Every structure is written in structure tokens, then in C-alpha cells.
C-alpha atoms as a PDB file:
ATOM      1  CA  MET A   1     150.379 123.349 140.029  1.00  0.00           C
ATOM      2  CA  ARG A   2     147.559 123.460 137.503  1.00  0.00           C
ATOM      3  CA  TRP A   3     148.722 123.166 133.840  1.00  0.00           C
ATOM      4  CA  CYS A   4     152.390 122.858 134.954  1.00  0.00           C
ATOM      5  CA  THR A   5     154.938 120.952 133.080  1.00  0.00           C
ATOM      6  CA  LEU A   6     157.107 118.717 135.255  1.00  0.00           C
ATOM      7  CA  GLY A   7     160.238 116.781 134.279  1.00  0.00           C
ATOM      8  CA  SER A   8     160.902 114.454 131.320  1.00  0.00           C
ATOM      9  CA  THR A   9     161.315 110.715 131.400  1.00  0.00           C
ATOM     10  CA  SER A  10     165.150 111.250 131.167  1.00  0.00           C
ATOM     11  CA  MET A  11     165.089 113.845 133.980  1.00  0.00           C
ATOM     12  CA  PRO A  12     161.917 113.544 136.079  1.00  0.00           C
ATOM     13  CA  THR A  13     160.858 115.932 138.754  1.00  0.00           C
ATOM     14  CA  VAL A  14     161.775 114.404 142.182  1.00  0.00           C
ATOM     15  CA  LEU A  15     158.699 114.624 144.504  1.00  0.00           C
ATOM     16  CA  SER A  16     159.919 111.998 147.082  1.00  0.00           C
ATOM     17  CA  GLY A  17     158.378 112.917 150.435  1.00  0.00           C
ATOM     18  CA  ALA A  18     156.495 115.898 149.058  1.00  0.00           C
ATOM     19  CA  ARG A  19     153.133 116.691 150.688  1.00  0.00           C
ATOM     20  CA  MET A  20     150.663 116.981 147.848  1.00  0.00           C
ATOM     21  CA  PHE A  21     147.371 117.150 149.789  1.00  0.00           C
ATOM     22  CA  GLY A  22     145.217 119.963 148.493  1.00  0.00           C
ATOM     23  CA  CYS A  23     147.227 120.621 145.328  1.00  0.00           C
ATOM     24  CA  GLN A  24     145.273 121.601 142.278  1.00  0.00           C
ATOM     25  CA  LEU A  25     146.789 119.478 139.526  1.00  0.00           C
ATOM     26  CA  ASP A  26     144.385 119.860 136.609  1.00  0.00           C
ATOM     27  CA  GLY A  27     146.223 119.486 133.278  1.00  0.00           C
ATOM     28  CA  ALA A  28     149.666 118.862 134.769  1.00  0.00           C
ATOM     29  CA  LYS A  29     151.920 116.758 132.631  1.00  0.00           C
ATOM     30  CA  GLY A  30     155.388 115.402 132.641  1.00  0.00           C
ATOM     31  CA  ALA A  31     157.414 112.720 134.560  1.00  0.00           C
ATOM     32  CA  VAL A  32     157.908 112.392 138.380  1.00  0.00           C
ATOM     33  CA  VAL A  33     159.510 110.239 140.829  1.00  0.00           C
ATOM     34  CA  GLY A  34     157.719 109.435 144.153  1.00  0.00           C
ATOM     35  CA  PRO A  35     156.619 108.368 146.676  1.00  0.00           C
ATOM     36  CA  VAL A  36     154.573 111.450 147.836  1.00  0.00           C
ATOM     37  CA  LEU A  37     152.314 112.001 150.760  1.00  0.00           C
ATOM     38  CA  VAL A  38     148.647 112.530 149.606  1.00  0.00           C
ATOM     39  CA  ASP A  39     146.568 113.043 152.717  1.00  0.00           C
ATOM     40  CA  GLU A  40     146.357 115.803 155.251  1.00  0.00           C
ATOM     41  CA  GLY A  41     147.720 113.605 158.121  1.00  0.00           C
ATOM     42  CA  THR A  42     150.873 112.858 156.016  1.00  0.00           C
ATOM     43  CA  SER A  43     150.410 109.142 156.703  1.00  0.00           C
ATOM     44  CA  ARG A  44     149.429 107.984 153.290  1.00  0.00           C
ATOM     45  CA  SER A  45     152.403 107.644 150.945  1.00  0.00           C
ATOM     46  CA  LEU A  46     151.940 106.581 147.277  1.00  0.00           C
ATOM     47  CA  GLY A  47     154.394 105.585 144.569  1.00  0.00           C
ATOM     48  CA  GLY A  48     154.426 103.754 141.287  1.00  0.00           C
ATOM     49  CA  VAL A  49     151.086 102.738 139.735  1.00  0.00           C
ATOM     50  CA  GLU A  50     149.137 103.950 142.838  1.00  0.00           C
ATOM     51  CA  LEU A  51     150.710 107.375 142.547  1.00  0.00           C
ATOM     52  CA  ALA A  52     149.942 107.450 138.790  1.00  0.00           C
ATOM     53  CA  ALA A  53     146.338 106.590 139.502  1.00  0.00           C
ATOM     54  CA  TRP A  54     146.186 109.367 142.175  1.00  0.00           C
ATOM     55  CA  PHE A  55     147.556 111.952 139.781  1.00  0.00           C
ATOM     56  CA  SER A  56     145.030 110.786 137.123  1.00  0.00           C
ATOM     57  CA  GLY A  57     142.243 111.165 139.663  1.00  0.00           C
ATOM     58  CA  GLN A  58     143.326 114.702 140.477  1.00  0.00           C
ATOM     59  CA  GLY A  59     142.908 115.691 136.774  1.00  0.00           C
ATOM     60  CA  ALA A  60     146.634 115.205 135.829  1.00  0.00           C
ATOM     61  CA  GLU A  61     146.285 112.323 133.389  1.00  0.00           C
ATOM     62  CA  GLY A  62     149.411 113.588 131.613  1.00  0.00           C
ATOM     63  CA  VAL A  63     151.732 112.888 134.590  1.00  0.00           C
ATOM     64  CA  GLN A  64     153.883 109.692 134.329  1.00  0.00           C
ATOM     65  CA  VAL A  65     155.486 108.103 137.339  1.00  0.00           C
ATOM     66  CA  VAL A  66     158.867 106.771 136.457  1.00  0.00           C
ATOM     67  CA  GLY A  67     160.392 105.769 139.751  1.00  0.00           C
END
């Protein structure tokens, strides 16, 4: 998912329940809806501000969480 363009704020990409562990997200941008699972054991689900911080920490500072 490196350098990908996700949805817009009016039509965000729905990632609810997606397993994002191990994804390479450098340079990704756009708007998403969570929550998503961010660990290998699929026990850590993040949404909102926490998910936005997680994307930023993965090199995807341009991803906005809208839901």
C-alpha cells in the first residue's frame, strides 16, 4: 500500500475490521474509516485519533481518519 491514494473525506475508504499488520504504508494519503486491527494477533483495534497516529507512525502522514 506504499504511495497509494485512498478515499476522499466525502467518500473515505472503509477499512473497518481490516488486518493492517505488516502493511507498508509509506507515502499513503487519503481518508479512511476504521477501526482496523494493527497487530499480528488481531487483538489490537484502533480507530479515530489513535488510528491516525498509527498511520503517521507507519510513514503515512497524509492519511486522515474520518470515522
